[in-house]
Protein backbone atom coordinates (compact mmCIF):
# COMPACT_ATOMS: atom_id res chain seq x y z
CA MET A 1 -3.58 2.16 -11.00
CA ASP A 2 -4.91 5.59 -10.01
CA SER A 3 -3.52 6.49 -6.56
CA LYS A 4 -6.79 8.36 -5.89
CA LYS A 5 -8.47 4.97 -5.53
CA PHE A 6 -6.15 4.00 -2.67
CA PHE A 7 -7.71 4.52 0.77
CA THR A 8 -6.83 4.08 4.42
CA VAL A 9 -9.64 3.71 6.96
CA GLY A 10 -9.14 3.04 10.65
CA VAL A 11 -9.05 3.97 14.31
CA SER A 12 -5.95 4.73 16.37
CA HIS A 13 -4.69 5.74 19.79
CA LYS A 14 -4.86 9.41 18.78
CA LYS A 15 -8.65 9.56 19.20
CA ALA A 16 -9.75 6.08 20.30
CA SER A 17 -9.50 4.89 23.90
CA LEU A 18 -8.14 1.44 24.73
CA SER A 19 -11.67 -0.01 25.04
CA ILE A 20 -12.68 1.36 21.62
CA ARG A 21 -9.49 0.04 20.02
CA GLU A 22 -10.30 -3.34 21.57
CA ALA A 23 -13.74 -3.23 19.94
CA PHE A 24 -12.28 -2.52 16.49
CA SER A 25 -9.36 -4.96 16.78
CA LEU A 26 -9.22 -7.90 14.36
CA SER A 27 -7.83 -11.32 15.16
CA LEU A 28 -5.98 -13.39 12.58
CA HIS A 29 -9.15 -15.42 12.00
CA SER A 30 -11.35 -12.31 11.65
CA SER A 31 -8.82 -10.77 9.26
CA LYS A 32 -8.98 -13.83 7.00
CA LEU A 33 -12.78 -13.72 6.98
CA LEU A 34 -12.69 -10.01 6.16
CA LEU A 35 -10.24 -10.46 3.29
CA ASN A 36 -12.25 -13.33 1.79
CA ASP A 37 -15.46 -11.31 2.04
CA ALA A 38 -13.77 -8.33 0.37
CA LYS A 39 -12.53 -10.60 -2.42
CA LYS A 40 -16.04 -11.96 -3.05
CA ASN A 41 -17.30 -8.38 -3.36
CA GLY A 42 -14.80 -7.39 -6.04
CA ILE A 43 -12.05 -5.74 -3.98
CA SER A 44 -8.71 -6.82 -5.45
CA GLU A 45 -6.10 -5.32 -3.09
CA LEU A 46 -6.43 -4.97 0.68
CA LEU A 47 -4.09 -5.03 3.68
CA ILE A 48 -5.14 -5.21 7.34
CA ASN A 49 -3.02 -3.77 10.14
CA SER A 50 -4.41 -4.55 13.61
CA THR A 51 -2.05 -3.70 16.48
CA CYS A 52 -2.20 -2.31 19.99
CA ASN A 53 -2.06 1.24 18.57
CA ARG A 54 -4.47 0.98 15.68
CA THR A 55 -6.66 -1.07 13.38
CA GLU A 56 -6.39 0.09 9.77
CA LEU A 57 -7.37 -1.16 6.34
CA TYR A 58 -5.26 -0.11 3.35
CA GLY A 59 -6.49 -0.89 -0.14
CA VAL A 60 -7.91 -0.06 -3.53
CA THR A 61 -11.62 0.65 -3.93
CA GLU A 62 -14.06 2.96 -5.66
CA ASN A 63 -15.80 3.73 -2.37
CA PRO A 64 -14.06 3.83 1.04
CA GLU A 65 -17.40 3.15 2.71
CA ASP A 66 -16.86 -0.46 1.62
CA PHE A 67 -13.81 -0.67 3.92
CA ILE A 68 -15.63 0.93 6.86
CA LYS A 69 -18.49 -1.56 6.53
CA LEU A 70 -16.03 -4.47 6.37
CA LEU A 71 -14.19 -3.25 9.48
CA CYS A 72 -17.41 -2.94 11.47
CA LYS A 73 -18.78 -6.24 10.16
CA PHE A 74 -15.81 -8.33 11.28
CA SER A 75 -14.95 -6.49 14.51
CA SER A 76 -17.10 -5.47 17.46
CA GLY A 77 -16.97 -1.81 16.46
CA GLY A 78 -20.03 0.07 15.24
CA ILE A 79 -20.58 2.50 12.37
CA ASN A 80 -21.72 5.30 14.70
CA THR A 81 -18.60 4.96 16.83
CA PHE A 82 -16.39 4.91 13.75
CA ASN A 83 -18.01 8.08 12.43
CA LYS A 84 -17.05 9.83 15.68
CA ILE A 85 -13.43 8.69 16.11
CA GLY A 86 -12.43 6.94 12.88
CA TYR A 87 -10.75 8.42 9.82
CA THR A 88 -10.60 7.98 6.05
CA LEU A 89 -7.55 9.03 4.05
CA GLU A 90 -7.38 9.14 0.25
CA GLY A 91 -4.70 8.97 -2.43
CA LYS A 92 -1.34 10.52 -1.60
CA GLU A 93 -2.41 11.27 1.97
CA ALA A 94 -3.27 7.60 2.51
CA ILE A 95 0.03 6.50 0.99
CA ASN A 96 2.01 8.97 3.12
CA HIS A 97 0.20 7.66 6.20
CA ILE A 98 1.27 4.03 5.70
CA PHE A 99 4.87 5.24 5.25
CA ARG A 100 4.64 7.13 8.56
CA VAL A 101 3.09 4.13 10.31
CA GLY A 102 5.84 1.83 9.03
CA ALA A 103 8.55 4.20 10.28
CA GLY A 104 7.02 4.41 13.77
CA LEU A 105 6.15 8.11 13.45
CA GLU A 106 2.46 7.46 14.17
CA SER A 107 3.02 5.05 17.09
CA GLN A 108 2.28 5.78 20.74
CA ILE A 109 5.94 5.10 21.38
CA LEU A 110 7.82 7.28 18.88
CA GLY A 111 10.08 5.22 16.63
CA ASP A 112 8.41 1.89 17.49
CA PHE A 113 10.24 -0.60 15.26
CA GLU A 114 7.97 -3.57 16.00
CA ILE A 115 5.27 -2.14 13.72
CA ILE A 116 7.15 -2.94 10.51
CA GLY A 117 7.22 -6.64 11.43
CA GLN A 118 3.45 -6.52 11.95
CA LEU A 119 2.98 -4.88 8.55
CA LYS A 120 5.08 -7.59 6.90
CA LYS A 121 3.00 -10.28 8.57
CA SER A 122 -0.21 -8.59 7.39
CA PHE A 123 1.12 -8.35 3.86
CA TYR A 124 1.99 -12.07 3.75
CA GLN A 125 -1.57 -12.83 4.84
CA SER A 126 -3.03 -10.71 2.01
CA LYS A 127 -0.56 -12.20 -0.48
CA LYS A 128 -1.50 -15.73 0.53
CA LEU A 129 -5.17 -14.95 -0.08
CA MET A 130 -4.30 -13.25 -3.41
CA MET A 131 -5.38 -9.84 -2.11
CA ALA A 132 -2.02 -8.13 -2.69
CA ASN A 133 -0.96 -7.59 -6.28
CA GLY A 134 1.61 -5.37 -8.02
CA PHE A 135 0.56 -2.04 -6.53
CA LEU A 136 0.27 -3.13 -2.90
CA GLU A 137 3.39 -5.30 -3.09
CA ARG A 138 5.48 -2.41 -4.40
CA LEU A 139 4.00 -0.05 -1.79
CA VAL A 140 4.75 -2.37 1.15
CA ASN A 141 8.29 -3.02 -0.11
CA SER A 142 8.83 0.75 -0.33
CA VAL A 143 7.51 1.19 3.23
CA ILE A 144 9.89 -1.53 4.46
CA GLN A 145 12.79 0.14 2.64
CA ALA A 146 11.93 3.53 4.16
CA SER A 147 11.57 2.03 7.64
CA LYS A 148 15.03 0.41 7.42
CA ARG A 149 16.59 3.69 6.33
CA VAL A 150 14.89 5.65 9.13
CA LYS A 151 16.10 3.11 11.69
CA THR A 152 19.72 3.03 10.42
CA GLU A 153 20.17 6.65 9.30
CA THR A 154 18.48 8.45 12.21
CA GLY A 155 18.43 8.11 15.98
CA ILE A 156 14.65 7.93 16.18
CA SER A 157 14.68 4.26 17.23
CA SER A 158 17.07 4.71 20.15
CA GLY A 159 15.76 4.23 23.68
CA ALA A 160 12.27 2.95 24.52
CA THR A 161 11.01 2.37 21.01
CA SER A 162 8.87 -0.74 21.41
CA VAL A 163 6.13 -1.97 23.69
CA SER A 164 8.32 -4.86 24.85
CA PHE A 165 11.22 -2.53 25.74
CA ALA A 166 8.87 -0.11 27.53
CA ALA A 167 7.42 -3.03 29.54
CA VAL A 168 10.86 -4.15 30.70
CA GLN A 169 11.86 -0.58 31.59
CA PHE A 170 8.66 -0.22 33.63
CA ILE A 171 9.50 -3.42 35.53
CA ILE A 172 13.07 -2.30 36.26
CA LYS A 173 11.87 1.08 37.58
CA ASN A 174 9.05 -0.33 39.72
CA VAL A 175 10.36 -3.66 41.04
CA GLU A 176 13.34 -3.72 43.37
CA ASP A 177 16.00 -6.39 43.08
CA ILE A 178 14.51 -7.53 39.75
CA SER A 179 17.37 -9.94 38.99
CA ASN A 180 16.27 -12.12 41.93
CA LYS A 181 12.50 -11.90 41.38
CA ASN A 182 10.35 -14.56 39.77
CA ILE A 183 9.33 -13.37 36.29
CA LEU A 184 6.74 -15.28 34.26
CA LEU A 185 6.25 -14.53 30.58
CA PHE A 186 2.97 -15.91 29.21
CA GLY A 187 2.87 -15.93 25.39
CA ALA A 188 5.47 -16.71 22.73
CA GLY A 189 4.34 -14.61 19.78
CA LYS A 190 6.29 -11.74 18.22
CA ILE A 191 5.84 -9.38 21.19
CA GLY A 192 6.45 -12.22 23.64
CA LYS A 193 9.71 -13.08 21.88
CA ASN A 194 10.85 -9.42 21.87
CA THR A 195 9.92 -9.06 25.53
CA CYS A 196 11.90 -12.19 26.36
CA GLU A 197 14.96 -10.78 24.60
CA ASN A 198 14.68 -7.46 26.48
CA LEU A 199 14.19 -9.22 29.83
CA ILE A 200 17.36 -11.27 29.33
CA LYS A 201 19.32 -8.25 28.16
CA HIS A 202 18.29 -5.73 30.83
CA THR A 203 17.22 -7.55 34.03
CA LYS A 204 20.16 -9.95 34.46
CA ASN A 205 17.59 -12.46 35.70
CA ASP A 206 18.66 -16.06 35.03
CA HIS A 207 15.45 -17.87 35.99
CA ILE A 208 12.75 -16.32 33.77
CA VAL A 209 9.88 -18.77 33.14
CA LEU A 210 8.17 -18.95 29.72
CA ILE A 211 4.78 -20.60 29.18
CA ASN A 212 2.84 -20.84 25.94
CA ARG A 213 -0.25 -22.80 24.99
CA THR A 214 1.84 -24.47 22.28
CA GLN A 215 4.96 -25.64 24.15
CA GLU A 216 6.93 -26.24 20.94
CA LYS A 217 6.81 -22.51 20.17
CA ALA A 218 8.11 -21.67 23.64
CA GLU A 219 10.94 -24.20 23.31
CA LYS A 220 11.94 -22.56 20.03
CA ILE A 221 12.48 -19.27 21.89
CA ALA A 222 14.31 -21.13 24.66
CA GLY A 223 16.72 -22.32 21.98
CA LYS A 224 17.79 -18.69 21.51
CA PHE A 225 17.48 -17.28 25.04
CA PRO A 226 18.25 -18.83 28.46
CA VAL A 227 14.70 -19.21 29.82
CA ILE A 228 12.90 -22.01 31.65
CA VAL A 229 10.01 -23.46 29.62
CA LYS A 230 7.11 -24.94 31.57
CA PRO A 231 4.00 -26.70 30.20
CA PHE A 232 0.72 -24.84 29.82
CA GLY A 233 -0.84 -27.03 32.51
CA SER A 234 1.46 -25.52 35.16
CA LEU A 235 0.27 -21.93 34.52
CA THR A 236 -1.66 -21.56 37.81
CA ALA A 237 1.31 -22.76 39.89
CA ALA A 238 3.71 -20.54 37.94
CA ILE A 239 1.50 -17.48 38.53
CA HIS A 240 1.39 -18.34 42.24
CA ASP A 241 5.20 -18.25 42.40
CA ALA A 242 5.59 -15.13 40.24
CA ASP A 243 6.40 -11.58 41.34
CA VAL A 244 5.91 -10.28 37.81
CA LEU A 245 3.59 -11.68 35.14
CA ILE A 246 3.83 -10.43 31.56
CA VAL A 247 0.85 -11.41 29.40
CA ALA A 248 1.57 -11.35 25.65
CA THR A 249 -0.89 -14.00 24.46
CA GLY A 250 -2.62 -11.94 21.74
CA SER A 251 -5.93 -13.76 22.19
CA GLU A 252 -9.42 -12.55 21.30
CA LYS A 253 -10.59 -13.32 24.84
CA PRO A 254 -8.97 -13.00 28.30
CA THR A 255 -6.38 -15.68 29.03
CA VAL A 256 -5.81 -14.66 32.67
CA ASN A 257 -8.71 -14.43 35.12
CA LEU A 258 -9.21 -14.61 38.89
CA ASP A 259 -9.47 -18.41 38.81
CA LEU A 260 -5.75 -18.55 37.95
CA ILE A 261 -4.59 -16.24 40.75
CA HIS A 262 -4.04 -17.66 44.22
CA ASN A 263 -1.18 -15.42 45.30
CA ASN A 264 -0.37 -14.56 48.90
CA LYS A 265 2.15 -11.88 47.87
CA SER A 266 2.18 -8.83 45.58
CA LEU A 267 1.94 -9.50 41.87
CA LEU A 268 2.62 -7.01 39.06
CA ILE A 269 0.84 -7.92 35.81
CA LEU A 270 1.67 -6.24 32.50
CA ASP A 271 -0.93 -6.85 29.79
CA LEU A 272 0.64 -6.33 26.36
CA SER A 273 -2.35 -7.55 24.34
CA ILE A 274 -5.17 -5.91 22.36
CA PRO A 275 -7.87 -6.75 23.16
CA ARG A 276 -6.85 -7.00 26.82
CA ASN A 277 -6.02 -10.58 27.81
CA VAL A 278 -6.24 -9.95 31.56
CA ALA A 279 -9.87 -10.02 32.70
CA SER A 280 -11.10 -6.76 34.27
CA GLU A 281 -12.05 -8.63 37.49
CA VAL A 282 -8.33 -9.22 38.17
CA ASN A 283 -7.99 -5.51 38.96
CA ASN A 284 -10.11 -6.10 42.10
CA HIS A 285 -7.58 -8.50 43.65
CA PRO A 286 -5.98 -6.68 46.62
CA LEU A 287 -2.45 -8.01 45.93
CA VAL A 288 -2.46 -7.46 42.16
CA LYS A 289 -1.54 -4.38 40.14
CA VAL A 290 -2.42 -4.53 36.43
CA VAL A 291 -0.70 -2.23 33.95
CA HIS A 292 -2.08 -1.95 30.42
CA LEU A 293 -0.54 -0.90 27.12
CA ASP A 294 -1.65 2.72 27.17
CA GLU A 295 0.01 3.29 30.54
CA LEU A 296 3.26 1.78 29.24
CA SER A 297 3.11 3.84 26.07
CA GLN A 298 3.00 7.07 28.05
CA ILE A 299 6.37 6.34 29.60
CA THR A 300 9.03 8.65 28.19
CA ASP A 301 12.61 7.75 28.72
CA ALA A 302 15.60 10.07 28.88
CA THR A 303 16.15 9.84 25.12
CA PHE A 304 12.60 10.90 24.11
CA GLU A 305 13.41 14.54 23.39
CA LYS A 306 16.54 13.51 21.56
CA ARG A 307 14.50 11.14 19.39
CA GLN A 308 11.98 13.87 18.63
CA LYS A 309 14.75 15.92 17.03
CA HIS A 310 15.21 13.19 14.43
CA ILE A 311 11.63 13.51 13.10
CA PRO A 312 12.51 16.02 10.30
CA GLN A 313 15.34 13.77 9.09
CA ALA A 314 13.03 10.75 9.16
CA GLU A 315 10.36 12.65 7.22
CA LYS A 316 12.94 13.64 4.61
CA ILE A 317 13.84 9.97 4.10
CA LEU A 318 10.16 9.06 3.81
CA LYS A 319 9.65 11.73 1.14
CA GLU A 320 12.60 10.42 -0.89
CA VAL A 321 11.27 6.86 -0.91
CA GLU A 322 7.69 8.04 -1.45
CA ASP A 323 8.79 10.08 -4.48
CA GLU A 324 10.50 6.99 -5.92
CA PHE A 325 7.27 5.05 -5.41
CA PHE A 326 5.22 7.70 -7.22
CA VAL A 327 7.70 7.72 -10.12
CA TRP A 328 7.23 3.94 -10.40
CA LEU A 329 3.46 4.41 -10.22
CA GLU A 330 3.56 7.06 -12.95
CA HIS A 331 5.62 4.82 -15.23
CA ARG A 332 3.40 1.83 -14.50
CA LYS A 333 0.34 3.42 -16.08
CA TYR A 334 2.22 3.74 -19.36
CA VAL A 335 3.01 0.01 -19.59
CA PRO A 336 -0.01 -0.78 -21.85
CA THR A 337 0.87 2.22 -24.06
CA LEU A 338 4.54 1.22 -24.26
CA MET A 339 3.61 -2.33 -25.14
CA ALA A 340 1.31 -1.02 -27.89
CA PHE A 341 4.09 1.29 -29.12
CA LYS A 342 6.47 -1.67 -29.39
CA GLU A 343 3.85 -3.36 -31.55
CA LYS A 344 3.78 -0.19 -33.68
CA ILE A 345 0.26 0.79 -32.65
CA ILE A 346 -0.74 4.28 -31.50
CA LYS A 347 -3.90 5.27 -29.63
CA ILE A 348 -5.79 8.28 -30.99
CA ILE A 349 -8.58 10.08 -29.15
CA GLY A 350 -11.00 11.82 -31.51
CA LYS A 351 -14.27 13.69 -31.27
CA GLY A 352 -16.40 12.79 -28.28
CA ASN A 353 -13.33 11.21 -26.63
CA LYS A 354 -13.71 8.16 -28.83
CA GLU A 355 -10.58 6.00 -28.86
CA ARG A 356 -9.12 4.11 -31.79
CA LEU A 357 -5.90 2.21 -32.42
CA VAL A 358 -3.96 2.96 -35.60
CA PRO A 359 -0.92 0.96 -36.77
CA MET A 360 2.20 2.79 -37.92
CA GLY A 361 5.23 1.84 -39.98
CA ASP A 362 8.88 1.52 -38.98
CA TYR A 363 9.64 4.94 -40.46
CA SER A 364 7.05 6.68 -38.24
CA LYS A 365 8.08 4.69 -35.18
CA LYS A 366 11.74 5.67 -35.67
CA PHE A 367 11.02 9.40 -35.72
CA ILE A 368 8.53 9.24 -32.84
CA GLU A 369 11.23 7.56 -30.73
CA ILE A 370 13.66 10.37 -31.61
CA TYR A 371 11.00 12.94 -30.71
CA LEU A 372 10.25 11.26 -27.36
CA LYS A 373 13.94 11.13 -26.48
CA ASN A 374 15.01 14.63 -27.51
CA ASN A 375 12.16 16.99 -28.32
CA ARG A 376 8.94 16.15 -26.48
CA SER A 377 9.22 19.04 -24.03
CA VAL A 378 12.03 21.40 -23.10
CA GLY A 379 10.48 22.12 -19.70
CA LYS A 380 8.61 20.28 -16.99
CA ILE A 381 5.67 18.27 -18.28
CA ASP A 382 2.27 19.32 -16.93
CA PRO A 383 0.91 16.23 -15.06
CA ARG A 384 -2.49 16.72 -16.75
CA TYR A 385 -0.88 15.96 -20.13
CA SER A 386 1.69 13.35 -19.11
CA ASP A 387 0.07 10.69 -21.36
CA VAL A 388 -0.24 12.99 -24.41
CA LEU A 389 2.27 12.39 -27.21
CA PHE A 390 2.70 15.86 -28.71
CA LEU A 391 3.41 18.69 -26.25
CA ASN A 392 4.40 22.35 -26.51
CA ARG A 393 7.37 24.02 -24.86
CA ASN A 394 5.38 24.46 -21.63
CA GLY A 395 4.71 20.75 -21.32
CA LYS A 396 1.04 21.12 -22.29
CA GLN A 397 -0.98 19.52 -25.06
CA LEU A 398 -0.54 21.10 -28.51
CA THR A 399 -3.58 23.14 -29.51
CA ARG A 400 -5.42 22.56 -32.79
CA ALA A 401 -4.22 25.95 -34.06
CA MET A 402 -0.58 25.13 -33.23
CA ILE A 403 -0.77 21.84 -35.14
CA PHE A 404 -2.10 23.74 -38.19
CA THR A 405 0.76 26.25 -37.88
CA LEU A 406 3.40 23.51 -37.60
CA ILE A 407 2.14 21.58 -40.63
CA LYS A 408 1.92 24.78 -42.67
CA GLY A 409 5.54 25.57 -41.71
CA TYR A 410 6.75 22.07 -42.62
CA GLY A 411 4.97 22.44 -45.98
CA LYS A 412 6.93 25.58 -46.75
CA GLN A 413 10.20 23.88 -45.73
CA ALA A 414 9.39 21.06 -48.16
CA GLN A 415 8.63 23.66 -50.88
CA ILE A 416 5.06 22.44 -51.30
CA ASN A 417 3.20 25.21 -53.12
CA LYS A 418 -0.18 24.32 -51.69
CA ILE A 419 -1.85 25.06 -48.38
CA ILE A 420 -1.77 21.85 -46.39
CA SER A 421 -3.49 21.05 -43.08
CA PRO A 422 -3.99 18.05 -40.79
CA HIS A 423 -7.07 17.23 -42.88
CA THR A 424 -4.88 17.11 -46.00
CA LEU A 425 -2.73 14.47 -44.34
CA ARG A 426 -5.79 12.48 -43.17
CA HIS A 427 -7.29 12.52 -46.65
CA SER A 428 -3.98 11.48 -48.19
CA PHE A 429 -3.64 8.62 -45.69
CA ALA A 430 -7.12 7.28 -46.48
CA THR A 431 -6.76 7.72 -50.23
CA HIS A 432 -3.43 5.89 -50.34
CA LEU A 433 -4.89 2.98 -48.37
CA LEU A 434 -7.89 2.77 -50.66
CA GLU A 435 -5.83 3.00 -53.86
CA ASN A 436 -3.67 0.13 -52.63
CA GLY A 437 -6.57 -2.22 -52.03
CA ALA A 438 -7.73 -1.56 -48.43
CA ASP A 439 -11.45 -2.09 -47.86
CA LEU A 440 -13.69 0.78 -46.76
CA ARG A 441 -14.58 -0.85 -43.40
CA THR A 442 -10.89 -0.95 -42.33
CA ILE A 443 -10.39 2.65 -43.37
CA GLN A 444 -13.56 3.64 -41.46
CA VAL A 445 -12.15 2.16 -38.23
CA MET A 446 -8.73 3.80 -38.62
CA MET A 447 -10.21 7.18 -39.49
CA GLY A 448 -12.69 7.01 -36.64
CA HIS A 449 -15.74 7.61 -38.83
CA GLU A 450 -19.06 6.83 -37.17
CA SER A 451 -20.67 5.98 -40.51
CA ILE A 452 -19.15 4.27 -43.52
CA THR A 453 -20.95 6.86 -45.65
CA THR A 454 -18.39 9.42 -44.45
CA THR A 455 -15.56 7.12 -45.52
CA GLU A 456 -17.00 6.78 -49.02
CA ILE A 457 -15.89 10.32 -49.86
CA TYR A 458 -12.41 8.85 -50.38
CA ALA A 459 -13.71 6.55 -53.10
CA HIS A 460 -13.04 9.17 -55.82
CA MET A 461 -10.99 7.28 -58.39
CA ASP A 462 -9.77 8.65 -61.67
CA THR A 463 -10.67 6.96 -64.96
CA LYS A 464 -7.23 5.40 -65.41
CA TYR A 465 -7.41 3.68 -61.98
CA LEU A 466 -10.97 2.45 -62.62
CA LYS A 467 -9.86 0.90 -65.95
CA SER A 468 -6.96 -0.88 -64.21
CA VAL A 469 -9.34 -2.33 -61.57
CA MET A 470 -11.73 -3.46 -64.31
CA LYS A 471 -8.91 -5.14 -66.20
CA LYS A 472 -7.59 -6.88 -63.06
CA PHE A 473 -10.74 -8.11 -61.35
CA HIS A 474 -13.61 -8.47 -63.90
CA PRO A 475 -14.29 -12.10 -65.03
CA ARG A 476 -14.16 -11.08 -68.70
CA LYS A 477 -11.08 -8.87 -68.13
CA ALA A 478 -9.31 -10.37 -71.14
CA ASN A 479 -11.96 -8.92 -73.46
CA SER A 480 -12.22 -5.55 -71.77
């Protein structure tokens, strides 16, 4: 696979406001529809990453416009808006970008480690729909590997490095006596679970209430953390009792509106969803303060500057893993050639870039293997000629003149008192085949002749050979 055909298209917090990111966000259902549509239109590998920070498509295509159209078709975003704030990355730049995203270097909260879980989830979705094959699978695994190393080998993920952690820190700083307040967590997805863990760990509150539309999912979290699970039907009453409401429902439409709020005391609501799951009308309630993701993401804790210092180290790790990926990618393109070589077949490109496959014997294969191992190039191979068999000392393709010179030199070493050239060897090859019974059509294919008339020049047989053919094949050979 040519890495130049790998593209990233998307919108992110760097240029897109919260409302624009909402418009371009993709739900799980929309993502499935997009992937199936892409598959029908001939796209073989595609990954969707839709989070609070960004919505991006990573995949293989001839034209990145295909991805932009898919994104706009299955989200509420428009082409004109995308052209103003969206971006398209190609090849190595696109690959480097997904590595940076996976390591949290492109997140609103530097070092955000929740993103890698979201990438994994997106990959499983593509894999299930058969939209992630060898290339994308290897790439995602490399990104996961790099992310783990960045997290364990640097200090970039210390402090407020996730939306859920930032939300809890905001609550602690802005709500007095938090351990005795009534906290309601609405939503039991990945972010809801992480938020629950951070609440338990940092607030010392022993009566946190968890509500989810599917109660079984909430009870699963309650099996790990000491929270009180209440049924979805008691949401209005639970909001009435709450001092803090954290909304992590991840729905396409608002899940909290004014009809659910009947509070006679102050209520802090943190909306951790994209698109926003708290209806805009809730902001008008005199006793309610709503805080959205972007506001939380701007919070910098005491360790922020310290974490920034780890960026160069993190980037060094990313480069190491990226380089390993590109080595794999380089080797991968030779798999068909290596398989052909094992079968003792070599591909030759002749005039007009016409390709032909020519079989070789064990003797030739043996010495080509020795050449590949010890003598192909003494220096660094020029990437433009990485798939060429015979190279010069500078790692470039041998010129026609150099091949003539080499064969002439080998002729002298063998004490051949004639001038020989590559054409001499070609003619000998064809003549030997013909003399041993090969048909002209087979020789034409192996020699790369456009017309069989050209091949017929090798049909120059001496009288002795013609007599032997006559004696062997003519029906009255006994009398000849």
